[in-house]
């Protein structure tokens, strides 16, 4: 198992406002590009709302997260939640953005094979397995937060993952259409597909992990890892 650390179901702790980051961030799903940097009090309120939403998920599942429930849990007015996140999907995407920061930090600057220091092929293998376990771990949240179909593949969160795959492929296959191949690889990690595989087909994680390794080998023309 290349990345078993993603089996923990708890969200990482929310950082205090303006916490310095050790690695660059590929995406910022929780805020729109037009929203200015939050004041310290606004950042604290945002973290408070996300903490309340995370508690609701832990206690009642994703279905228990409504704008009204989050407002009540955080002891603020419902309008505060709507002003900060827009709607329920915006709130759920902000939760995913926070949760995915650990994954971003790992593939940008963490230890190999996921982070720098390993061969591109090994990093690509580890990357897919990491994404697979992350999505299985929080599958209901991913499904509930998915944007409508015409915007699904252009969402910043998806674009960040696709960009990383493209970068690795260009090092492995410099003459290939790496952008198109990256879309093919990332589509195999789609949350809806993983839901079908794990919950309807009851495929074990070991099979999905082996399938990713085999797919990478076939796409790159390399020998699968034994």
Protein backbone atom coordinates (compact mmCIF):
# COMPACT_ATOMS: atom_id res chain seq x y z
CA UNK A 1 0.00 0.00 0.00
CA UNK A 2 1.74 3.15 -1.21
CA UNK A 3 -0.17 5.70 0.82
CA UNK A 4 -1.98 4.04 3.70
CA UNK A 5 -1.88 7.25 5.72
CA UNK A 6 -5.05 8.39 3.99
CA UNK A 7 -7.13 5.78 5.84
CA UNK A 8 -7.74 8.16 8.77
CA UNK A 9 -11.29 9.52 8.55
CA UNK A 10 -10.81 12.67 10.64
CA UNK A 11 -10.30 16.05 9.01
CA UNK A 12 -6.99 17.67 9.90
CA UNK A 13 -7.20 20.45 12.49
CA UNK A 14 -8.08 23.87 11.15
CA UNK A 15 -5.09 26.24 11.19
CA UNK A 16 -5.31 29.60 12.94
CA UNK A 17 -5.79 32.60 10.62
CA UNK A 18 -2.78 33.76 8.60
CA UNK A 19 -0.80 30.65 9.47
CA UNK A 20 2.38 30.51 7.34
CA UNK A 21 2.56 27.66 4.84
CA UNK A 22 5.69 25.68 4.09
CA UNK A 23 4.74 24.89 0.49
CA UNK A 24 2.97 26.80 -2.29
CA UNK A 25 -0.76 26.26 -2.64
CA UNK A 26 -2.15 25.02 -5.95
CA UNK A 27 -5.74 25.94 -5.25
CA UNK A 28 -8.01 27.92 -2.98
CA UNK A 29 -11.47 26.47 -3.41
CA UNK A 30 -13.02 28.07 -0.38
CA UNK A 31 -12.83 31.64 -1.69
CA UNK A 32 -13.57 33.05 -5.07
CA UNK A 33 -10.80 34.84 -6.98
CA UNK A 34 -12.61 38.15 -6.54
CA UNK A 35 -12.74 37.94 -2.70
CA UNK A 36 -9.99 39.91 -0.93
CA UNK A 37 -7.85 38.50 1.85
CA UNK A 38 -9.91 37.99 4.97
CA UNK A 39 -9.46 40.16 8.02
CA UNK A 40 -8.32 38.30 11.10
CA UNK A 41 -11.80 38.34 12.66
CA UNK A 42 -13.41 37.19 9.41
CA UNK A 43 -10.84 34.40 9.10
CA UNK A 44 -11.61 33.28 12.64
CA UNK A 45 -15.33 33.24 11.87
CA UNK A 46 -14.71 31.22 8.72
CA UNK A 47 -12.64 28.65 10.60
CA UNK A 48 -15.34 28.50 13.27
CA UNK A 49 -18.00 27.74 10.66
CA UNK A 50 -15.86 25.03 9.03
CA UNK A 51 -15.18 23.45 12.39
CA UNK A 52 -18.92 23.36 13.08
CA UNK A 53 -19.56 21.76 9.68
CA UNK A 54 -16.84 19.17 10.31
CA UNK A 55 -18.43 18.27 13.66
CA UNK A 56 -21.81 17.83 11.99
CA UNK A 57 -20.29 15.49 9.41
CA UNK A 58 -18.61 13.44 12.14
CA UNK A 59 -21.86 13.17 14.10
CA UNK A 60 -24.54 12.97 11.39
CA UNK A 61 -22.80 12.43 8.05
CA UNK A 62 -22.82 14.81 5.08
CA UNK A 63 -26.64 14.81 4.99
CA UNK A 64 -26.60 16.55 8.38
CA UNK A 65 -24.75 19.57 6.98
CA UNK A 66 -27.22 22.31 6.10
CA UNK A 67 -26.67 26.04 6.23
CA UNK A 68 -29.17 26.25 9.09
CA UNK A 69 -27.49 23.44 11.06
CA UNK A 70 -24.03 24.97 10.64
CA UNK A 71 -25.31 28.37 11.77
CA UNK A 72 -26.87 26.81 14.86
CA UNK A 73 -23.77 24.75 15.68
CA UNK A 74 -21.52 27.81 15.32
CA UNK A 75 -24.01 30.05 17.16
CA UNK A 76 -24.24 32.62 14.38
CA UNK A 77 -27.02 33.85 12.15
CA UNK A 78 -27.85 31.86 9.03
CA UNK A 79 -27.07 34.91 6.91
CA UNK A 80 -23.45 34.79 8.11
CA UNK A 81 -23.03 31.30 6.65
CA UNK A 82 -24.58 32.32 3.33
CA UNK A 83 -22.42 35.44 3.09
CA UNK A 84 -19.25 33.45 3.71
CA UNK A 85 -19.89 30.42 1.46
CA UNK A 86 -22.75 31.35 -0.87
CA UNK A 87 -24.61 28.06 -0.65
CA UNK A 88 -24.30 24.52 0.70
CA UNK A 89 -22.07 23.42 -2.19
CA UNK A 90 -19.71 26.31 -1.48
CA UNK A 91 -19.52 25.26 2.16
CA UNK A 92 -18.79 21.63 1.27
CA UNK A 93 -16.14 22.68 -1.25
CA UNK A 94 -14.49 24.81 1.41
CA UNK A 95 -14.32 21.75 3.66
CA UNK A 96 -12.72 19.74 0.87
CA UNK A 97 -10.27 22.55 0.15
CA UNK A 98 -9.11 22.49 3.76
CA UNK A 99 -8.92 18.69 3.81
CA UNK A 100 -6.98 18.54 0.54
CA UNK A 101 -4.26 20.89 1.77
CA UNK A 102 -2.52 17.92 3.34
CA UNK A 103 -2.52 16.09 0.00
CA UNK A 104 -1.23 19.18 -1.82
CA UNK A 105 1.55 19.66 0.71
CA UNK A 106 2.56 16.02 0.33
CA UNK A 107 2.83 15.95 -3.44
CA UNK A 108 4.40 19.42 -3.64
CA UNK A 109 7.00 19.11 -0.91
CA UNK A 110 6.50 15.94 1.11
CA UNK A 111 8.74 12.89 1.24
CA UNK A 112 9.13 10.59 -1.77
CA UNK A 113 7.71 8.72 -3.55
CA UNK A 114 4.73 11.11 -3.49
CA UNK A 115 6.85 14.23 -3.07
CA UNK A 116 10.02 15.39 -4.84
CA UNK A 117 13.04 13.11 -4.80
CA UNK A 118 11.61 10.02 -6.49
CA UNK A 119 11.53 9.22 -10.20
CA UNK A 120 8.54 10.75 -12.04
CA UNK A 121 7.04 7.32 -12.68
CA UNK A 122 7.17 6.41 -8.99
CA UNK A 123 5.66 9.77 -8.08
CA UNK A 124 2.82 9.24 -10.55
CA UNK A 125 2.06 5.82 -9.09
CA UNK A 126 2.07 7.19 -5.55
CA UNK A 127 0.00 10.21 -6.53
CA UNK A 128 -2.88 8.14 -7.91
CA UNK A 129 -2.97 5.90 -4.87
CA UNK A 130 -2.95 8.93 -2.56
CA UNK A 131 -5.87 10.52 -4.40
CA UNK A 132 -7.71 7.19 -4.43
CA UNK A 133 -7.51 6.77 -0.66
CA UNK A 134 -8.32 10.42 0.00
CA UNK A 135 -11.48 10.17 -2.08
CA UNK A 136 -12.60 6.89 -0.57
CA UNK A 137 -12.00 8.31 2.90
CA UNK A 138 -14.38 11.24 2.27
CA UNK A 139 -16.44 9.88 -0.60
CA UNK A 140 -19.82 11.17 0.58
CA UNK A 141 -18.41 14.66 0.96
CA UNK A 142 -16.86 14.59 -2.52
CA UNK A 143 -20.12 13.44 -4.10
CA UNK A 144 -22.20 16.04 -2.27
CA UNK A 145 -19.79 18.85 -3.21
CA UNK A 146 -19.42 18.03 -6.91
CA UNK A 147 -20.22 20.95 -9.17
CA UNK A 148 -22.71 20.72 -12.01
CA UNK A 149 -21.46 18.73 -15.06
CA UNK A 150 -20.46 21.61 -17.37
CA UNK A 151 -18.13 23.09 -14.72
CA UNK A 152 -16.95 19.83 -13.21
CA UNK A 153 -13.66 19.38 -15.05
CA UNK A 154 -12.67 23.05 -14.95
CA UNK A 155 -13.00 23.37 -11.18
CA UNK A 156 -9.74 24.59 -9.56
CA UNK A 157 -9.47 21.49 -7.38
CA UNK A 158 -9.60 19.20 -10.42
CA UNK A 159 -7.33 21.46 -12.44
CA UNK A 160 -4.66 21.35 -9.72
CA UNK A 161 -4.54 17.56 -9.73
CA UNK A 162 -4.56 17.42 -13.53
CA UNK A 163 -1.69 19.93 -13.72
CA UNK A 164 0.44 17.78 -11.42
CA UNK A 165 -0.22 14.63 -13.47
CA UNK A 166 0.61 16.52 -16.67
CA UNK A 167 3.92 17.70 -15.21
CA UNK A 168 4.93 14.16 -14.28
CA UNK A 169 3.86 12.74 -17.64
CA UNK A 170 5.94 15.32 -19.51
CA UNK A 171 8.99 14.04 -17.70
CA UNK A 172 8.12 10.43 -18.53
CA UNK A 173 6.71 10.90 -22.07
CA UNK A 174 8.02 14.20 -23.47
CA UNK A 175 6.64 13.51 -26.97
CA UNK A 176 3.11 12.51 -25.90
CA UNK A 177 -0.08 14.56 -25.59
CA UNK A 178 0.37 14.70 -21.84
CA UNK A 179 -2.52 17.06 -21.23
CA UNK A 180 -4.99 14.62 -22.81
CA UNK A 181 -3.40 11.62 -21.09
CA UNK A 182 -3.62 13.40 -17.74
CA UNK A 183 -7.37 13.77 -18.22
CA UNK A 184 -7.68 10.06 -18.95
CA UNK A 185 -5.74 9.12 -15.83
CA UNK A 186 -7.58 11.54 -13.57
CA UNK A 187 -10.97 10.37 -14.84
CA UNK A 188 -10.17 6.92 -13.46
CA UNK A 189 -10.10 8.55 -9.99
CA UNK A 190 -13.49 10.24 -10.36
CA UNK A 191 -15.45 10.13 -7.07
CA UNK A 192 -18.64 8.89 -8.76
CA UNK A 193 -16.71 6.04 -10.39
CA UNK A 194 -15.02 5.15 -7.11
CA UNK A 195 -18.44 5.13 -5.43
CA UNK A 196 -19.70 2.68 -8.05
CA UNK A 197 -16.63 0.47 -7.76
CA UNK A 198 -16.42 0.30 -3.96
CA UNK A 199 -20.07 0.43 -2.90
CA UNK A 200 -22.00 -1.08 -5.77
CA UNK A 201 -19.42 -3.51 -7.18
CA UNK A 202 -17.81 -4.05 -3.75
CA UNK A 203 -14.31 -3.94 -5.18
CA UNK A 204 -11.60 -4.00 -2.48
CA UNK A 205 -9.15 -1.13 -2.25
CA UNK A 206 -6.27 -3.46 -3.10
CA UNK A 207 -7.86 -4.08 -6.49
CA UNK A 208 -8.34 -0.37 -7.20
CA UNK A 209 -4.76 0.37 -6.15
CA UNK A 210 -3.42 -2.41 -8.40
CA UNK A 211 -5.64 -1.12 -11.20
CA UNK A 212 -4.11 2.36 -10.97
CA UNK A 213 -0.58 0.94 -11.08
CA UNK A 214 -1.49 -1.17 -14.11
CA UNK A 215 -3.15 1.79 -15.85
CA UNK A 216 -0.07 3.96 -15.33
CA UNK A 217 2.11 1.21 -16.78
CA UNK A 218 -0.07 0.88 -19.88
CA UNK A 219 -0.35 4.63 -20.46
CA UNK A 220 3.39 5.21 -20.04
CA UNK A 221 4.51 2.01 -21.80
CA UNK A 222 6.48 0.91 -18.76
CA UNK A 223 6.54 -2.34 -16.85
CA UNK A 224 4.12 -2.50 -13.89
CA UNK A 225 5.60 -2.48 -10.42
CA UNK A 226 5.67 -5.95 -8.84
